[in-house]
């Protein structure tokens, strides 16, 4: 009967690989903090309290990400495309 992976000799795989650790760097000012920072929902950069832009209850790395979150950026449907959807084409 083979041994379970937890009892095999050698280094164990990292359980939290890809998950932010206890320390984090701000994506705007590059300062290191001893705790995980919130992430911008648009560009996914870590952002500290001093650099954060708050809009609509969310935290962003800058005004450009905040405005594109609420205005939609390039995801707007043109009027001709909207007319096609309304007509059922």
Protein backbone atom coordinates (compact mmCIF):
# COMPACT_ATOMS: atom_id res chain seq x y z
CA UNK A 1 0.00 0.00 0.00
CA UNK A 2 1.55 3.38 -1.01
CA UNK A 3 2.10 6.12 1.57
CA UNK A 4 -0.15 9.22 1.46
CA UNK A 5 1.48 12.35 0.01
CA UNK A 6 1.74 13.94 3.48
CA UNK A 7 4.00 11.08 4.67
CA UNK A 8 6.34 10.92 1.68
CA UNK A 9 9.93 11.98 2.36
CA UNK A 10 11.18 15.24 0.89
CA UNK A 11 9.81 18.78 0.69
CA UNK A 12 6.05 19.20 0.71
CA UNK A 13 4.35 21.30 -1.95
CA UNK A 14 3.46 24.82 -0.90
CA UNK A 15 -0.22 24.93 0.07
CA UNK A 16 -0.61 28.68 -0.44
CA UNK A 17 1.23 28.98 -3.75
CA UNK A 18 -0.18 31.97 -5.66
CA UNK A 19 -1.96 33.45 -2.62
CA UNK A 20 -0.76 36.80 -1.32
CA UNK A 21 1.39 36.40 1.76
CA UNK A 22 1.49 38.29 5.00
CA UNK A 23 3.58 41.10 3.53
CA UNK A 24 2.75 43.07 0.41
CA UNK A 25 4.14 45.90 -1.72
CA UNK A 26 2.04 48.83 -2.87
CA UNK A 27 1.69 48.80 -6.66
CA UNK A 28 1.68 52.61 -6.76
CA UNK A 29 4.41 53.79 -4.34
CA UNK A 30 6.30 50.44 -4.04
CA UNK A 31 6.48 50.68 -0.22
CA UNK A 32 6.50 47.33 1.59
CA UNK A 33 3.91 46.61 4.29
CA UNK A 34 3.89 43.74 6.82
CA UNK A 35 0.30 42.80 5.92
CA UNK A 36 -1.72 42.08 2.79
CA UNK A 37 -3.06 45.17 1.01
CA UNK A 38 -6.38 45.49 -0.80
CA UNK A 39 -6.31 45.00 -4.58
CA UNK A 40 -7.66 47.28 -7.28
CA UNK A 41 -10.61 45.49 -8.97
CA UNK A 42 -9.57 46.76 -12.43
CA UNK A 43 -5.79 46.19 -12.68
CA UNK A 44 -5.37 43.96 -9.57
CA UNK A 45 -2.48 46.03 -8.16
CA UNK A 46 -2.02 46.12 -4.40
CA UNK A 47 -2.69 49.61 -3.05
CA UNK A 48 -1.84 51.15 0.34
CA UNK A 49 -4.02 53.52 2.38
CA UNK A 50 -2.07 56.61 1.29
CA UNK A 51 -2.31 55.83 -2.46
CA UNK A 52 -5.84 54.42 -2.48
CA UNK A 53 -8.64 56.23 -4.32
CA UNK A 54 -12.05 55.43 -2.85
CA UNK A 55 -15.13 55.74 -5.01
CA UNK A 56 -18.52 54.12 -4.60
CA UNK A 57 -17.41 52.02 -1.64
CA UNK A 58 -14.53 50.41 -3.56
CA UNK A 59 -10.77 50.90 -3.35
CA UNK A 60 -8.82 51.64 -6.55
CA UNK A 61 -5.15 52.32 -7.33
CA UNK A 62 -5.95 55.60 -9.09
CA UNK A 63 -8.64 57.78 -10.60
CA UNK A 64 -8.25 56.17 -14.04
CA UNK A 65 -9.20 52.71 -12.72
CA UNK A 66 -12.00 54.20 -10.59
CA UNK A 67 -13.54 56.03 -13.55
CA UNK A 68 -13.24 53.05 -15.90
CA UNK A 69 -14.92 50.82 -13.27
CA UNK A 70 -17.99 53.05 -13.11
CA UNK A 71 -18.11 54.36 -16.69
CA UNK A 72 -17.31 51.03 -18.35
CA UNK A 73 -14.28 52.14 -20.35
CA UNK A 74 -14.14 50.33 -23.71
CA UNK A 75 -17.00 47.97 -22.92
CA UNK A 76 -19.70 50.41 -24.01
CA UNK A 77 -22.03 49.20 -26.74
CA UNK A 78 -22.35 51.59 -29.66
CA UNK A 79 -25.78 52.89 -30.67
CA UNK A 80 -25.81 50.82 -33.87
CA UNK A 81 -25.05 47.62 -31.93
CA UNK A 82 -27.74 48.48 -29.38
CA UNK A 83 -30.29 48.96 -32.18
CA UNK A 84 -29.41 45.53 -33.58
CA UNK A 85 -30.06 43.89 -30.21
CA UNK A 86 -33.35 45.74 -29.79
CA UNK A 87 -34.50 44.69 -33.28
CA UNK A 88 -33.65 41.05 -32.54
CA UNK A 89 -30.91 40.72 -35.18
